[in-house]
Protein backbone atom coordinates (compact mmCIF):
# COMPACT_ATOMS: atom_id res chain seq x y z
CA MET A 1 30.38 -13.48 79.60
CA SER A 2 29.37 -17.06 79.61
CA THR A 3 31.75 -19.66 81.53
CA ILE A 4 32.63 -23.24 81.11
CA ASP A 5 35.20 -25.33 82.99
CA LEU A 6 37.68 -27.35 81.08
CA ASN A 7 39.04 -30.48 82.67
CA ALA A 8 41.34 -33.19 81.71
CA ASP A 9 42.07 -36.62 83.09
CA LEU A 10 45.48 -36.70 84.36
CA GLY A 11 48.12 -38.81 86.60
CA GLU A 12 47.95 -41.84 84.43
CA GLY A 13 51.66 -41.32 82.93
CA ASP A 14 50.51 -39.70 79.75
CA ALA A 15 53.13 -37.40 78.27
CA TYR A 16 50.95 -34.08 78.34
CA ASP A 17 50.00 -33.48 81.88
CA ALA A 18 52.33 -30.56 82.52
CA GLU A 19 51.24 -29.01 79.49
CA LEU A 20 47.60 -29.69 80.31
CA LEU A 21 47.73 -28.14 83.50
CA GLU A 22 48.61 -24.74 82.06
CA ILE A 23 45.47 -24.90 79.87
CA VAL A 24 42.76 -26.67 81.88
CA SER A 25 40.86 -25.16 85.05
CA SER A 26 40.15 -28.57 86.62
CA CYS A 27 41.91 -31.78 86.72
CA ASN A 28 40.92 -35.57 87.55
CA VAL A 29 43.82 -37.28 89.41
CA ALA A 30 44.09 -41.20 89.11
CA CYS A 31 44.04 -42.24 92.87
CA GLY A 32 45.01 -46.01 92.73
CA GLY A 33 42.22 -47.70 91.13
CA HIS A 34 42.98 -48.03 87.05
CA THR A 35 46.42 -46.55 87.84
CA GLY A 36 48.40 -43.98 90.03
CA ASP A 37 50.04 -44.12 93.33
CA ALA A 38 51.24 -41.77 96.26
CA GLU A 39 53.98 -40.52 94.35
CA SER A 40 51.71 -39.71 90.84
CA MET A 41 49.01 -38.15 92.74
CA ALA A 42 51.25 -36.08 94.65
CA ALA A 43 53.07 -34.68 91.86
CA THR A 44 50.03 -34.21 89.83
CA VAL A 45 48.27 -32.15 92.81
CA ALA A 46 51.13 -30.00 93.24
CA ALA A 47 51.37 -29.12 89.60
CA ALA A 48 47.75 -28.43 89.41
CA ILE A 49 48.34 -26.12 92.65
CA ARG A 50 51.47 -24.27 90.94
CA ASN A 51 49.17 -23.69 87.90
CA GLY A 52 45.79 -22.52 90.20
CA VAL A 53 43.68 -25.76 88.73
CA ALA A 54 40.88 -27.03 91.02
CA VAL A 55 41.81 -30.78 91.87
CA GLY A 56 39.38 -33.63 91.79
CA ALA A 57 39.61 -37.49 92.21
CA HIS A 58 39.71 -39.78 89.30
CA PRO A 59 38.55 -43.33 90.80
CA GLY A 60 37.93 -46.34 88.93
CA TYR A 61 37.36 -50.38 88.69
CA PRO A 62 40.35 -51.43 90.54
CA ASP A 63 41.75 -52.84 87.67
CA PRO A 64 45.45 -51.79 86.71
CA GLU A 65 45.93 -54.46 84.16
CA GLY A 66 43.11 -53.63 82.17
CA PHE A 67 43.06 -49.94 83.16
CA GLY A 68 39.89 -49.92 84.48
CA ARG A 69 38.39 -50.48 81.08
CA GLU A 70 36.44 -53.73 81.60
CA SER A 71 32.66 -53.27 82.36
CA GLY A 72 31.17 -54.58 84.95
CA PHE A 73 34.66 -55.10 86.84
CA LEU A 74 33.22 -54.75 90.46
CA ALA A 75 30.18 -54.22 92.43
CA GLY A 76 28.51 -53.81 96.08
CA ASP A 77 30.39 -53.30 99.24
CA ALA A 78 33.81 -54.58 97.65
CA LEU A 79 33.71 -51.31 95.03
CA TYR A 80 32.51 -48.90 97.74
CA GLU A 81 35.32 -49.97 100.02
CA SER A 82 38.02 -49.72 96.99
CA LEU A 83 36.05 -46.41 95.60
CA THR A 84 36.41 -45.07 99.23
CA GLN A 85 40.10 -45.71 99.87
CA GLN A 86 40.79 -44.02 96.43
CA VAL A 87 39.09 -41.11 96.88
CA ALA A 88 40.19 -40.74 100.74
CA ALA A 89 44.14 -40.99 99.09
CA LEU A 90 43.52 -38.24 96.74
CA ALA A 91 41.78 -36.01 99.29
CA ASP A 92 44.21 -36.70 102.27
CA ILE A 93 47.36 -35.85 99.66
CA ALA A 94 45.48 -32.89 98.19
CA ALA A 95 45.21 -31.46 102.27
CA GLU A 96 48.63 -32.22 103.06
CA LEU A 97 49.91 -30.08 99.82
CA GLY A 98 47.49 -27.06 101.14
CA THR A 99 44.39 -27.35 98.78
CA ARG A 100 41.21 -29.47 98.87
CA MET A 101 39.56 -32.09 96.56
CA THR A 102 36.84 -30.13 94.82
CA HIS A 103 35.13 -33.07 93.07
CA VAL A 104 35.03 -36.62 92.06
CA LYS A 105 34.65 -38.20 88.31
CA PRO A 106 34.82 -41.96 87.81
CA HIS A 107 36.96 -43.43 85.07
CA GLY A 108 36.74 -45.49 81.92
CA ALA A 109 34.07 -48.37 82.39
CA LEU A 110 32.90 -47.43 86.03
CA TYR A 111 31.73 -44.11 84.20
CA ASN A 112 29.96 -45.50 81.50
CA ASP A 113 28.49 -48.49 83.40
CA SER A 114 27.08 -45.69 85.94
CA VAL A 115 25.11 -43.46 83.33
CA GLY A 116 22.48 -46.22 83.15
CA ASN A 117 23.06 -48.39 86.40
CA GLY A 118 21.43 -46.71 89.06
CA HIS A 119 23.21 -49.19 92.24
CA LEU A 120 26.46 -48.53 90.66
CA ALA A 121 26.08 -44.69 90.49
CA GLY A 122 24.47 -44.67 94.02
CA ILE A 123 27.62 -46.13 95.10
CA ILE A 124 29.76 -43.37 93.82
CA ALA A 125 27.42 -40.90 94.99
CA ARG A 126 27.48 -42.39 98.28
CA VAL A 127 31.40 -42.24 98.35
CA THR A 128 31.48 -38.49 97.17
CA ALA A 129 29.19 -37.59 99.78
CA GLU A 130 31.00 -39.09 102.34
CA ALA A 131 34.31 -37.36 101.07
CA HIS A 132 35.49 -34.44 103.75
CA GLY A 133 34.13 -30.93 102.79
CA THR A 134 31.86 -30.09 99.99
CA VAL A 135 32.73 -32.34 96.91
CA SER A 136 30.85 -32.47 93.69
CA LEU A 137 30.24 -35.20 91.58
CA VAL A 138 31.16 -34.82 87.54
CA GLY A 139 29.10 -37.39 85.04
CA MET A 140 26.75 -37.05 82.19
CA ALA A 141 23.35 -35.21 82.63
CA GLY A 142 20.01 -36.66 82.38
CA THR A 143 21.48 -39.73 83.42
CA GLU A 144 21.39 -42.35 86.72
CA MET A 145 24.60 -40.19 87.92
CA GLN A 146 22.50 -37.12 88.29
CA ARG A 147 20.10 -38.78 89.70
CA ALA A 148 22.10 -40.14 92.48
CA ALA A 149 23.74 -37.24 92.66
CA GLU A 150 20.44 -35.43 93.67
CA ARG A 151 19.46 -38.11 96.04
CA HIS A 152 22.38 -37.79 97.75
CA ARG A 153 22.27 -33.79 97.57
CA LEU A 154 25.57 -33.45 95.83
CA GLN A 155 26.41 -30.70 93.20
CA PHE A 156 26.39 -32.57 90.05
CA VAL A 157 28.49 -31.07 87.43
CA ALA A 158 27.27 -32.07 83.92
CA GLU A 159 30.27 -33.11 81.80
CA GLY A 160 30.53 -33.01 77.70
CA PHE A 161 33.55 -34.37 75.89
CA ILE A 162 35.90 -32.65 73.39
CA ASP A 163 37.49 -35.52 72.13
CA ARG A 164 34.84 -38.26 72.16
CA ALA A 165 31.79 -39.48 69.40
CA TYR A 166 28.65 -39.35 70.70
CA GLU A 167 26.08 -41.88 69.87
CA PRO A 168 22.52 -40.86 69.07
CA ASP A 169 21.25 -41.21 72.55
CA GLY A 170 23.55 -39.01 74.06
CA THR A 171 26.15 -41.45 75.29
CA LEU A 172 29.91 -41.70 73.99
CA VAL A 173 30.97 -43.95 71.35
CA SER A 174 33.04 -46.89 72.42
CA ARG A 175 36.48 -47.07 72.39
CA LYS A 176 36.29 -50.42 70.56
CA LYS A 177 34.75 -48.95 67.36
CA PRO A 178 36.30 -46.76 64.47
CA GLY A 179 35.65 -43.18 64.84
CA ALA A 180 35.46 -42.87 68.76
CA VAL A 181 38.25 -40.58 69.39
CA HIS A 182 38.19 -37.41 67.12
CA ALA A 183 41.79 -37.36 65.69
CA ASP A 184 40.95 -34.12 63.62
CA PHE A 185 41.50 -30.96 66.30
CA SER A 186 39.10 -29.14 63.87
CA VAL A 187 36.66 -31.66 64.88
CA ALA A 188 37.16 -31.47 68.45
CA VAL A 189 36.99 -27.34 68.47
CA ALA A 190 34.11 -27.53 66.92
CA GLN A 191 32.40 -29.90 69.04
CA ALA A 192 33.66 -27.88 72.15
CA LEU A 193 32.20 -24.42 70.73
CA SER A 194 28.94 -26.54 69.65
CA LEU A 195 28.73 -27.84 73.59
CA ALA A 196 29.85 -24.56 75.24
CA SER A 197 27.85 -22.19 73.54
CA GLU A 198 24.55 -24.22 71.93
CA GLY A 199 24.16 -27.13 74.29
CA ARG A 200 24.07 -29.64 71.31
CA VAL A 201 26.48 -31.85 69.43
CA SER A 202 26.66 -33.76 66.31
CA ALA A 203 26.13 -37.58 66.86
CA ILE A 204 28.26 -40.19 64.97
CA ASN A 205 25.24 -41.02 62.59
CA GLY A 206 24.68 -36.84 61.89
CA ASP A 207 21.86 -36.41 64.14
CA VAL A 208 22.21 -33.13 66.30
CA ILE A 209 21.06 -34.07 70.06
CA PRO A 210 21.18 -31.83 73.03
CA VAL A 211 23.72 -32.01 75.73
CA VAL A 212 23.71 -30.39 78.86
CA VAL A 213 27.54 -29.17 79.78
CA ASP A 214 28.79 -27.36 82.86
CA THR A 215 32.38 -28.96 82.07
CA LEU A 216 34.35 -29.99 78.94
CA CYS A 217 36.62 -33.02 78.96
CA ILE A 218 39.51 -33.64 77.16
CA HIS A 219 41.42 -36.78 77.64
CA GLY A 220 45.02 -36.82 78.50
CA ASP A 221 45.99 -39.89 76.68
CA THR A 222 44.47 -38.80 73.54
CA PRO A 223 47.29 -38.01 71.11
CA GLY A 224 48.21 -34.50 70.91
CA ALA A 225 46.02 -33.59 73.88
CA ALA A 226 47.56 -30.60 74.96
CA ASP A 227 47.67 -29.06 71.36
CA ALA A 228 44.04 -29.69 70.92
CA ALA A 229 43.45 -28.37 74.37
CA ARG A 230 44.94 -25.19 73.51
CA ARG A 231 43.20 -24.70 70.56
CA VAL A 232 39.73 -25.28 71.96
CA ARG A 233 40.50 -22.91 74.95
CA ASP A 234 41.76 -20.44 72.14
CA ALA A 235 38.40 -20.83 70.46
CA LEU A 236 36.14 -20.58 73.25
CA GLU A 237 37.78 -17.51 74.57
CA ALA A 238 37.60 -15.86 71.03
CA ASN A 239 34.01 -16.70 71.22
CA GLY A 240 33.41 -14.55 74.77
CA ILE A 241 33.34 -18.00 76.67
CA GLU A 242 35.57 -17.70 80.03
CA ILE A 243 37.25 -20.72 81.36
CA ARG A 244 36.90 -21.08 84.74
CA ALA A 245 36.79 -23.96 87.45
CA HIS A 246 33.28 -25.10 88.38
CA ALA A 247 34.46 -25.30 91.95
CA ARG A 248 35.18 -21.47 91.79
CA ARG A 249 31.75 -19.82 90.61
């Protein structure tokens, strides 16, 4: 039986966190950059532990007013210091609650910027490599994120997206464009199956493009996220694909 990880971005104040933690195998916890504080981190990590879900940090540009979605918000030493603080905060809370942080996945504009920016990707990889224990970096395959992970000798976890549309070059369609988020759950299910079983996806222009994936993401702020995630998990398992955290393989 083949396996795939199913992850969600949580701890962002959305309504579906509790339900999603009963479905996904890994979670990425907002840790004070775009949103999140010690209380929300602890609550999310505790719930993840109860559900046997692997815990990762979801650091972003330190821009709560813009929810970390402004491209190029910060760089250099200031970004390194902010990301280090965010990741350490989540790692410390996880340790206090009796688990460990297994991975780092950047949020929003920082994620998108680092796909093609080696400088930013290098900062994220450095922060991940300096975290305590064995910590993986989650990002898009074949991008600066993967190359930075390799330079820092990190395990790289290639991510695909269930609820987002793809451009023909394999990047995500901007949320500013119509059709960027799949509102039709049947589309999300079909995309998940294609990514997990065939390693490809239909881009927004109809092109079929290859996408390497070890984990599939559904965003916690997508309307009906828990229902979509349940349908996706059921479809994957019905097709002989086991859901298992990448950290536990």
